[in-house]
């Protein structure tokens, strides 16, 4: 269960409003809600499937590596968690740097290009959006910690939890659109984004740092005592 709890924390660390902004743009462009639902379903299934497959491959590769070189699989997991923690802390540093330099570049042109491209192929757009999760350090960290889990069900749940938390606004908006209740939610989203964007970004950065430190503590505990801080 600690794996799922950490996946939840990493989901908060990877919290992203881009998907919600994209849905708002799709609604404004009068895209049928069936296509929006298709896009969301592809993102859900694609991201979870890719994450679970990557976790299983990492865990299986660790076992094969251990058998071939007569080493314990933990050495691979130490490297995976080490890379994930460095990635998270580096990501936090990059976010802090961006916080100091306020965003001054207009995004209207970029948003319109993404929207025009997405309208051409909603299926391909969903696949690419799902694949873009691999550029998120928090997703890579979930893959690393889930690779040590023996239960396939827990691995799947961990990736589902990460996705639903990190893309909570995205999926929330899609559900609201399917129920024709999206206008109040869109208005609330725009209001909150305008008023609390700085606070939200800062809070997410703190969570990213905490997740990175937890992974470093897990590695340090194993190296010092031979036991993982997080359960296997």
C-alpha atoms as a PDB file:
ATOM      1  CA  UNK A   1       0.000   0.000   0.000  1.00  0.00           C
ATOM      2  CA  UNK A   2       2.977   2.318   0.522  1.00  0.00           C
ATOM      3  CA  UNK A   3       3.708   1.980  -3.191  1.00  0.00           C
ATOM      4  CA  UNK A   4       0.206   3.232  -3.969  1.00  0.00           C
ATOM      5  CA  UNK A   5       0.559   6.037  -1.417  1.00  0.00           C
ATOM      6  CA  UNK A   6       3.848   7.114  -2.989  1.00  0.00           C
ATOM      7  CA  UNK A   7       2.229   6.907  -6.434  1.00  0.00           C
ATOM      8  CA  UNK A   8      -0.429   9.283  -5.118  1.00  0.00           C
ATOM      9  CA  UNK A   9       2.268  11.691  -3.919  1.00  0.00           C
ATOM     10  CA  UNK A  10       4.066  11.456  -7.241  1.00  0.00           C
ATOM     11  CA  UNK A  11       0.743  12.146  -8.944  1.00  0.00           C
ATOM     12  CA  UNK A  12       0.481  15.365  -6.965  1.00  0.00           C
ATOM     13  CA  UNK A  13       4.097  16.119  -7.915  1.00  0.00           C
ATOM     14  CA  UNK A  14       3.248  15.555 -11.573  1.00  0.00           C
ATOM     15  CA  UNK A  15      -0.019  17.516 -11.394  1.00  0.00           C
ATOM     16  CA  UNK A  16      -0.556  19.008 -14.831  1.00  0.00           C
ATOM     17  CA  UNK A  17      -3.147  21.485 -16.064  1.00  0.00           C
ATOM     18  CA  UNK A  18      -2.179  21.231 -19.741  1.00  0.00           C
ATOM     19  CA  UNK A  19      -4.681  18.425 -20.334  1.00  0.00           C
ATOM     20  CA  UNK A  20      -7.461  20.500 -18.792  1.00  0.00           C
ATOM     21  CA  UNK A  21      -6.480  23.516 -20.889  1.00  0.00           C
ATOM     22  CA  UNK A  22      -6.527  21.283 -23.957  1.00  0.00           C
ATOM     23  CA  UNK A  23     -10.041  20.070 -23.117  1.00  0.00           C
ATOM     24  CA  UNK A  24     -11.214  23.655 -22.669  1.00  0.00           C
ATOM     25  CA  UNK A  25      -9.819  24.505 -26.111  1.00  0.00           C
ATOM     26  CA  UNK A  26     -11.477  21.448 -27.654  1.00  0.00           C
ATOM     27  CA  UNK A  27     -14.829  22.432 -26.154  1.00  0.00           C
ATOM     28  CA  UNK A  28     -14.407  26.000 -27.424  1.00  0.00           C
ATOM     29  CA  UNK A  29     -13.701  24.652 -30.917  1.00  0.00           C
ATOM     30  CA  UNK A  30     -17.032  22.744 -30.873  1.00  0.00           C
ATOM     31  CA  UNK A  31     -15.398  19.312 -31.051  1.00  0.00           C
ATOM     32  CA  UNK A  32     -18.064  16.611 -30.447  1.00  0.00           C
ATOM     33  CA  UNK A  33     -17.985  15.253 -26.927  1.00  0.00           C
ATOM     34  CA  UNK A  34     -17.713  11.702 -28.270  1.00  0.00           C
ATOM     35  CA  UNK A  35     -14.314  12.574 -29.733  1.00  0.00           C
ATOM     36  CA  UNK A  36     -13.238  14.183 -26.467  1.00  0.00           C
ATOM     37  CA  UNK A  37     -14.270  10.994 -24.634  1.00  0.00           C
ATOM     38  CA  UNK A  38     -12.313   8.914 -27.155  1.00  0.00           C
ATOM     39  CA  UNK A  39      -9.245  11.069 -26.602  1.00  0.00           C
ATOM     40  CA  UNK A  40      -9.519  10.684 -22.801  1.00  0.00           C
ATOM     41  CA  UNK A  41     -10.040   6.908 -23.035  1.00  0.00           C
ATOM     42  CA  UNK A  42      -6.946   6.496 -25.222  1.00  0.00           C
ATOM     43  CA  UNK A  43      -4.910   8.591 -22.776  1.00  0.00           C
ATOM     44  CA  UNK A  44      -6.147   6.511 -19.827  1.00  0.00           C
ATOM     45  CA  UNK A  45      -5.618   3.073 -21.362  1.00  0.00           C
ATOM     46  CA  UNK A  46      -2.420   4.028 -23.183  1.00  0.00           C
ATOM     47  CA  UNK A  47      -0.682   5.650 -20.221  1.00  0.00           C
ATOM     48  CA  UNK A  48      -1.558   2.912 -17.740  1.00  0.00           C
ATOM     49  CA  UNK A  49      -0.638   0.136 -20.187  1.00  0.00           C
ATOM     50  CA  UNK A  50       2.698   1.748 -21.038  1.00  0.00           C
ATOM     51  CA  UNK A  51       3.508   2.375 -17.387  1.00  0.00           C
ATOM     52  CA  UNK A  52       2.643  -1.152 -16.264  1.00  0.00           C
ATOM     53  CA  UNK A  53       4.608  -2.664 -19.160  1.00  0.00           C
ATOM     54  CA  UNK A  54       7.639  -0.508 -18.335  1.00  0.00           C
ATOM     55  CA  UNK A  55       7.473  -1.496 -14.658  1.00  0.00           C
ATOM     56  CA  UNK A  56       7.220  -5.193 -15.506  1.00  0.00           C
ATOM     57  CA  UNK A  57      10.066  -4.948 -18.008  1.00  0.00           C
ATOM     58  CA  UNK A  58      12.260  -3.149 -15.503  1.00  0.00           C
ATOM     59  CA  UNK A  59      11.516  -5.740 -12.828  1.00  0.00           C
ATOM     60  CA  UNK A  60      12.037  -8.645 -15.251  1.00  0.00           C
ATOM     61  CA  UNK A  61      15.235  -7.150 -16.613  1.00  0.00           C
ATOM     62  CA  UNK A  62      16.526  -6.779 -13.075  1.00  0.00           C
ATOM     63  CA  UNK A  63      15.940 -10.474 -12.386  1.00  0.00           C
ATOM     64  CA  UNK A  64      17.597 -11.575 -15.642  1.00  0.00           C
ATOM     65  CA  UNK A  65      20.518  -9.259 -14.973  1.00  0.00           C
ATOM     66  CA  UNK A  66      20.896 -10.716 -11.491  1.00  0.00           C
ATOM     67  CA  UNK A  67      20.830 -14.298 -12.745  1.00  0.00           C
ATOM     68  CA  UNK A  68      23.374 -13.571 -15.481  1.00  0.00           C
ATOM     69  CA  UNK A  69      25.862 -11.730 -13.276  1.00  0.00           C
ATOM     70  CA  UNK A  70      25.032 -13.470  -9.975  1.00  0.00           C
ATOM     71  CA  UNK A  71      24.098 -10.166  -8.392  1.00  0.00           C
ATOM     72  CA  UNK A  72      21.046  -9.212  -6.416  1.00  0.00           C
ATOM     73  CA  UNK A  73      18.343  -7.373  -8.381  1.00  0.00           C
ATOM     74  CA  UNK A  74      18.488  -4.591  -5.795  1.00  0.00           C
ATOM     75  CA  UNK A  75      21.542  -3.087  -7.516  1.00  0.00           C
ATOM     76  CA  UNK A  76      19.408  -2.324 -10.554  1.00  0.00           C
ATOM     77  CA  UNK A  77      16.614  -0.894  -8.424  1.00  0.00           C
ATOM     78  CA  UNK A  78      19.090   1.303  -6.589  1.00  0.00           C
ATOM     79  CA  UNK A  79      20.186   2.703  -9.947  1.00  0.00           C
ATOM     80  CA  UNK A  80      16.583   3.157 -11.099  1.00  0.00           C
ATOM     81  CA  UNK A  81      15.517   4.915  -7.906  1.00  0.00           C
ATOM     82  CA  UNK A  82      18.706   6.967  -7.913  1.00  0.00           C
ATOM     83  CA  UNK A  83      18.027   8.168 -11.449  1.00  0.00           C
ATOM     84  CA  UNK A  84      14.397   8.883 -10.553  1.00  0.00           C
ATOM     85  CA  UNK A  85      15.335  10.873  -7.435  1.00  0.00           C
ATOM     86  CA  UNK A  86      17.961  12.894  -9.316  1.00  0.00           C
ATOM     87  CA  UNK A  87      15.417  13.518 -12.056  1.00  0.00           C
ATOM     88  CA  UNK A  88      12.814  14.697  -9.547  1.00  0.00           C
ATOM     89  CA  UNK A  89      15.212  17.029  -7.730  1.00  0.00           C
ATOM     90  CA  UNK A  90      16.532  18.348 -11.048  1.00  0.00           C
ATOM     91  CA  UNK A  91      12.968  18.902 -12.194  1.00  0.00           C
ATOM     92  CA  UNK A  92      12.231  20.804  -8.972  1.00  0.00           C
ATOM     93  CA  UNK A  93      15.304  22.979  -9.535  1.00  0.00           C
ATOM     94  CA  UNK A  94      14.150  23.732 -13.080  1.00  0.00           C
ATOM     95  CA  UNK A  95      10.676  24.648 -11.798  1.00  0.00           C
ATOM     96  CA  UNK A  96      12.180  26.964  -9.181  1.00  0.00           C
ATOM     97  CA  UNK A  97      14.213  28.634 -11.913  1.00  0.00           C
ATOM     98  CA  UNK A  98      11.074  29.133 -13.990  1.00  0.00           C
ATOM     99  CA  UNK A  99       9.232  30.535 -10.967  1.00  0.00           C
ATOM    100  CA  UNK A 100      11.876  33.243 -10.620  1.00  0.00           C
ATOM    101  CA  UNK A 101      11.514  34.136 -14.291  1.00  0.00           C
ATOM    102  CA  UNK A 102       7.821  34.857 -14.832  1.00  0.00           C
ATOM    103  CA  UNK A 103       6.315  33.513 -18.013  1.00  0.00           C
ATOM    104  CA  UNK A 104       6.090  36.363 -20.509  1.00  0.00           C
ATOM    105  CA  UNK A 105       5.686  34.481 -23.769  1.00  0.00           C
ATOM    106  CA  UNK A 106       2.144  34.452 -25.191  1.00  0.00           C
ATOM    107  CA  UNK A 107       0.769  30.939 -25.582  1.00  0.00           C
ATOM    108  CA  UNK A 108      -2.202  31.650 -27.864  1.00  0.00           C
ATOM    109  CA  UNK A 109      -0.296  30.778 -31.020  1.00  0.00           C
ATOM    110  CA  UNK A 110       1.135  27.586 -29.521  1.00  0.00           C
ATOM    111  CA  UNK A 111      -2.283  26.500 -28.216  1.00  0.00           C
ATOM    112  CA  UNK A 112      -3.911  27.076 -31.605  1.00  0.00           C
ATOM    113  CA  UNK A 113      -1.266  24.968 -33.342  1.00  0.00           C
ATOM    114  CA  UNK A 114      -1.761  22.101 -30.902  1.00  0.00           C
ATOM    115  CA  UNK A 115      -5.527  22.356 -31.319  1.00  0.00           C
ATOM    116  CA  UNK A 116      -5.383  22.342 -35.124  1.00  0.00           C
ATOM    117  CA  UNK A 117      -3.074  19.328 -35.115  1.00  0.00           C
ATOM    118  CA  UNK A 118      -5.182  17.439 -32.583  1.00  0.00           C
ATOM    119  CA  UNK A 119      -8.399  17.944 -34.540  1.00  0.00           C
ATOM    120  CA  UNK A 120      -6.825  16.183 -37.536  1.00  0.00           C
ATOM    121  CA  UNK A 121      -6.387  12.890 -35.648  1.00  0.00           C
ATOM    122  CA  UNK A 122      -7.911  12.491 -32.207  1.00  0.00           C
ATOM    123  CA  UNK A 123      -6.662   8.884 -31.917  1.00  0.00           C
ATOM    124  CA  UNK A 124      -3.062   9.696 -32.803  1.00  0.00           C
ATOM    125  CA  UNK A 125      -3.257  12.722 -30.533  1.00  0.00           C
ATOM    126  CA  UNK A 126      -4.337  10.525 -27.617  1.00  0.00           C
ATOM    127  CA  UNK A 127      -1.514   8.070 -28.257  1.00  0.00           C
ATOM    128  CA  UNK A 128       1.090  10.842 -28.381  1.00  0.00           C
ATOM    129  CA  UNK A 129      -0.346  12.498 -25.265  1.00  0.00           C
ATOM    130  CA  UNK A 130      -0.147   9.162 -23.441  1.00  0.00           C
ATOM    131  CA  UNK A 131       3.423   8.604 -24.632  1.00  0.00           C
ATOM    132  CA  UNK A 132       4.382  12.085 -23.423  1.00  0.00           C
ATOM    133  CA  UNK A 133       4.075  10.746 -19.865  1.00  0.00           C
ATOM    134  CA  UNK A 134       7.576   9.315 -20.316  1.00  0.00           C
ATOM    135  CA  UNK A 135       8.892  12.891 -20.306  1.00  0.00           C
ATOM    136  CA  UNK A 136       7.465  13.370 -16.803  1.00  0.00           C
ATOM    137  CA  UNK A 137      10.000  12.524 -14.059  1.00  0.00           C
ATOM    138  CA  UNK A 138       7.190  11.660 -11.631  1.00  0.00           C
ATOM    139  CA  UNK A 139       5.904   9.005 -14.060  1.00  0.00           C
ATOM    140  CA  UNK A 140       9.409   7.550 -14.392  1.00  0.00           C
ATOM    141  CA  UNK A 141       9.636   7.457 -10.607  1.00  0.00           C
ATOM    142  CA  UNK A 142       6.360   5.493 -10.415  1.00  0.00           C
ATOM    143  CA  UNK A 143       7.761   3.015 -12.951  1.00  0.00           C
ATOM    144  CA  UNK A 144      10.880   2.607 -10.808  1.00  0.00           C
ATOM    145  CA  UNK A 145       9.111   2.013  -7.485  1.00  0.00           C
ATOM    146  CA  UNK A 146       6.429  -0.218  -9.039  1.00  0.00           C
ATOM    147  CA  UNK A 147       9.085  -2.415 -10.654  1.00  0.00           C
ATOM    148  CA  UNK A 148       9.896  -3.873  -7.209  1.00  0.00           C
ATOM    149  CA  UNK A 149       6.263  -4.765  -6.531  1.00  0.00           C
ATOM    150  CA  UNK A 150       5.383  -8.464  -6.775  1.00  0.00           C
ATOM    151  CA  UNK A 151       1.639  -7.988  -7.247  1.00  0.00           C
ATOM    152  CA  UNK A 152       0.498  -7.105 -10.770  1.00  0.00           C
ATOM    153  CA  UNK A 153      -2.718  -5.659  -9.339  1.00  0.00           C
ATOM    154  CA  UNK A 154      -0.788  -3.236  -7.127  1.00  0.00           C
ATOM    155  CA  UNK A 155       1.367  -2.187 -10.107  1.00  0.00           C
ATOM    156  CA  UNK A 156      -1.759  -1.455 -12.153  1.00  0.00           C
ATOM    157  CA  UNK A 157      -3.431   0.419  -9.282  1.00  0.00           C
ATOM    158  CA  UNK A 158      -0.292   2.486  -8.692  1.00  0.00           C
ATOM    159  CA  UNK A 159      -0.226   3.653 -12.304  1.00  0.00           C
ATOM    160  CA  UNK A 160      -3.977   4.314 -12.364  1.00  0.00           C
ATOM    161  CA  UNK A 161      -3.694   6.357  -9.156  1.00  0.00           C
ATOM    162  CA  UNK A 162      -0.767   8.362 -10.531  1.00  0.00           C
ATOM    163  CA  UNK A 163      -2.632   9.146 -13.751  1.00  0.00           C
ATOM    164  CA  UNK A 164      -5.954  10.075 -12.126  1.00  0.00           C
ATOM    165  CA  UNK A 165      -4.208  12.355  -9.631  1.00  0.00           C
ATOM    166  CA  UNK A 166      -1.764  14.011 -12.020  1.00  0.00           C
ATOM    167  CA  UNK A 167      -4.455  14.440 -14.683  1.00  0.00           C
ATOM    168  CA  UNK A 168      -7.343  14.954 -12.264  1.00  0.00           C
ATOM    169  CA  UNK A 169      -8.556  18.180 -13.856  1.00  0.00           C
ATOM    170  CA  UNK A 170      -8.334  16.643 -17.322  1.00  0.00           C
ATOM    171  CA  UNK A 171     -10.480  13.619 -16.481  1.00  0.00           C
ATOM    172  CA  UNK A 172     -12.789  15.669 -14.262  1.00  0.00           C
ATOM    173  CA  UNK A 173     -13.534  18.015 -17.145  1.00  0.00           C
ATOM    174  CA  UNK A 174     -14.128  15.103 -19.524  1.00  0.00           C
ATOM    175  CA  UNK A 175     -16.621  13.506 -17.119  1.00  0.00           C
ATOM    176  CA  UNK A 176     -18.359  16.874 -16.685  1.00  0.00           C
ATOM    177  CA  UNK A 177     -18.571  17.259 -20.468  1.00  0.00           C
ATOM    178  CA  UNK A 178     -20.148  13.814 -20.807  1.00  0.00           C
ATOM    179  CA  UNK A 179     -22.749  14.874 -18.222  1.00  0.00           C
ATOM    180  CA  UNK A 180     -23.232  18.331 -19.804  1.00  0.00           C
ATOM    181  CA  UNK A 181     -22.100  19.963 -16.558  1.00  0.00           C
ATOM    182  CA  UNK A 182     -18.799  21.367 -17.779  1.00  0.00           C
ATOM    183  CA  UNK A 183     -19.529  25.102 -17.997  1.00  0.00           C
ATOM    184  CA  UNK A 184     -19.398  25.779 -14.210  1.00  0.00           C
ATOM    185  CA  UNK A 185     -16.276  23.600 -13.905  1.00  0.00           C
ATOM    186  CA  UNK A 186     -14.536  25.410 -16.762  1.00  0.00           C
ATOM    187  CA  UNK A 187     -15.389  28.774 -15.200  1.00  0.00           C
ATOM    188  CA  UNK A 188     -14.055  27.573 -11.831  1.00  0.00           C
ATOM    189  CA  UNK A 189     -10.894  26.219 -13.460  1.00  0.00           C
ATOM    190  CA  UNK A 190     -10.137  29.504 -15.233  1.00  0.00           C
ATOM    191  CA  UNK A 191     -10.798  31.485 -12.034  1.00  0.00           C
ATOM    192  CA  UNK A 192      -8.570  29.286  -9.877  1.00  0.00           C
ATOM    193  CA  UNK A 193      -5.807  29.231 -12.481  1.00  0.00           C
ATOM    194  CA  UNK A 194      -5.826  33.039 -12.634  1.00  0.00           C
ATOM    195  CA  UNK A 195      -5.835  33.566  -8.849  1.00  0.00           C
ATOM    196  CA  UNK A 196      -3.751  30.731  -7.439  1.00  0.00           C
ATOM    197  CA  UNK A 197      -1.437  29.594 -10.230  1.00  0.00           C
ATOM    198  CA  UNK A 198       1.710  30.725  -8.387  1.00  0.00           C
ATOM    199  CA  UNK A 199       0.675  29.055  -5.113  1.00  0.00           C
ATOM    200  CA  UNK A 200      -0.256  25.831  -6.902  1.00  0.00           C
ATOM    201  CA  UNK A 201       3.063  25.730  -8.796  1.00  0.00           C
ATOM    202  CA  UNK A 202       5.016  26.329  -5.582  1.00  0.00           C
ATOM    203  CA  UNK A 203       3.098  23.613  -3.716  1.00  0.00           C
ATOM    204  CA  UNK A 204       3.704  21.119  -6.517  1.00  0.00           C
ATOM    205  CA  UNK A 205       7.423  21.948  -6.463  1.00  0.00           C
ATOM    206  CA  UNK A 206       7.540  21.205  -2.724  1.00  0.00           C
ATOM    207  CA  UNK A 207       5.843  17.834  -3.304  1.00  0.00           C
ATOM    208  CA  UNK A 208       8.356  17.021  -6.068  1.00  0.00           C
ATOM    209  CA  UNK A 209      11.236  17.747  -3.686  1.00  0.00           C
ATOM    210  CA  UNK A 210       9.661  15.584  -0.966  1.00  0.00           C
ATOM    211  CA  UNK A 211       9.192  12.651  -3.366  1.00  0.00           C
ATOM    212  CA  UNK A 212      12.795  12.952  -4.515  1.00  0.00           C
ATOM    213  CA  UNK A 213      14.016  12.998  -0.904  1.00  0.00           C
ATOM    214  CA  UNK A 214      11.881   9.943  -0.049  1.00  0.00           C
ATOM    215  CA  UNK A 215      13.498   7.975  -2.876  1.00  0.00           C
ATOM    216  CA  UNK A 216      16.961   9.092  -1.741  1.00  0.00           C
ATOM    217  CA  UNK A 217      16.110   8.018   1.816  1.00  0.00           C
ATOM    218  CA  UNK A 218      14.967   4.636   0.465  1.00  0.00           C
ATOM    219  CA  UNK A 219      18.309   4.163  -1.294  1.00  0.00           C
ATOM    220  CA  UNK A 220      20.324   5.346   1.723  1.00  0.00           C
ATOM    221  CA  UNK A 221      18.430   2.992   4.040  1.00  0.00           C
ATOM    222  CA  UNK A 222      19.142   0.032   1.768  1.00  0.00           C
ATOM    223  CA  UNK A 223      22.830   0.870   1.377  1.00  0.00           C
ATOM    224  CA  UNK A 224      23.281   1.308   5.134  1.00  0.00           C
ATOM    225  CA  UNK A 225      21.106  -1.517   6.456  1.00  0.00           C
ATOM    226  CA  UNK A 226      20.433  -3.834   3.532  1.00  0.00           C
ATOM    227  CA  UNK A 227      16.685  -3.227   3.879  1.00  0.00           C
ATOM    228  CA  UNK A 228      14.411  -0.966   1.868  1.00  0.00           C
ATOM    229  CA  UNK A 229      12.587   1.878   3.576  1.00  0.00           C
ATOM    230  CA  UNK A 230       9.733   1.377   1.129  1.00  0.00           C
ATOM    231  CA  UNK A 231       8.288  -2.142   1.039  1.00  0.00           C
ATOM    232  CA  UNK A 232       9.228  -4.474  -1.786  1.00  0.00           C
END
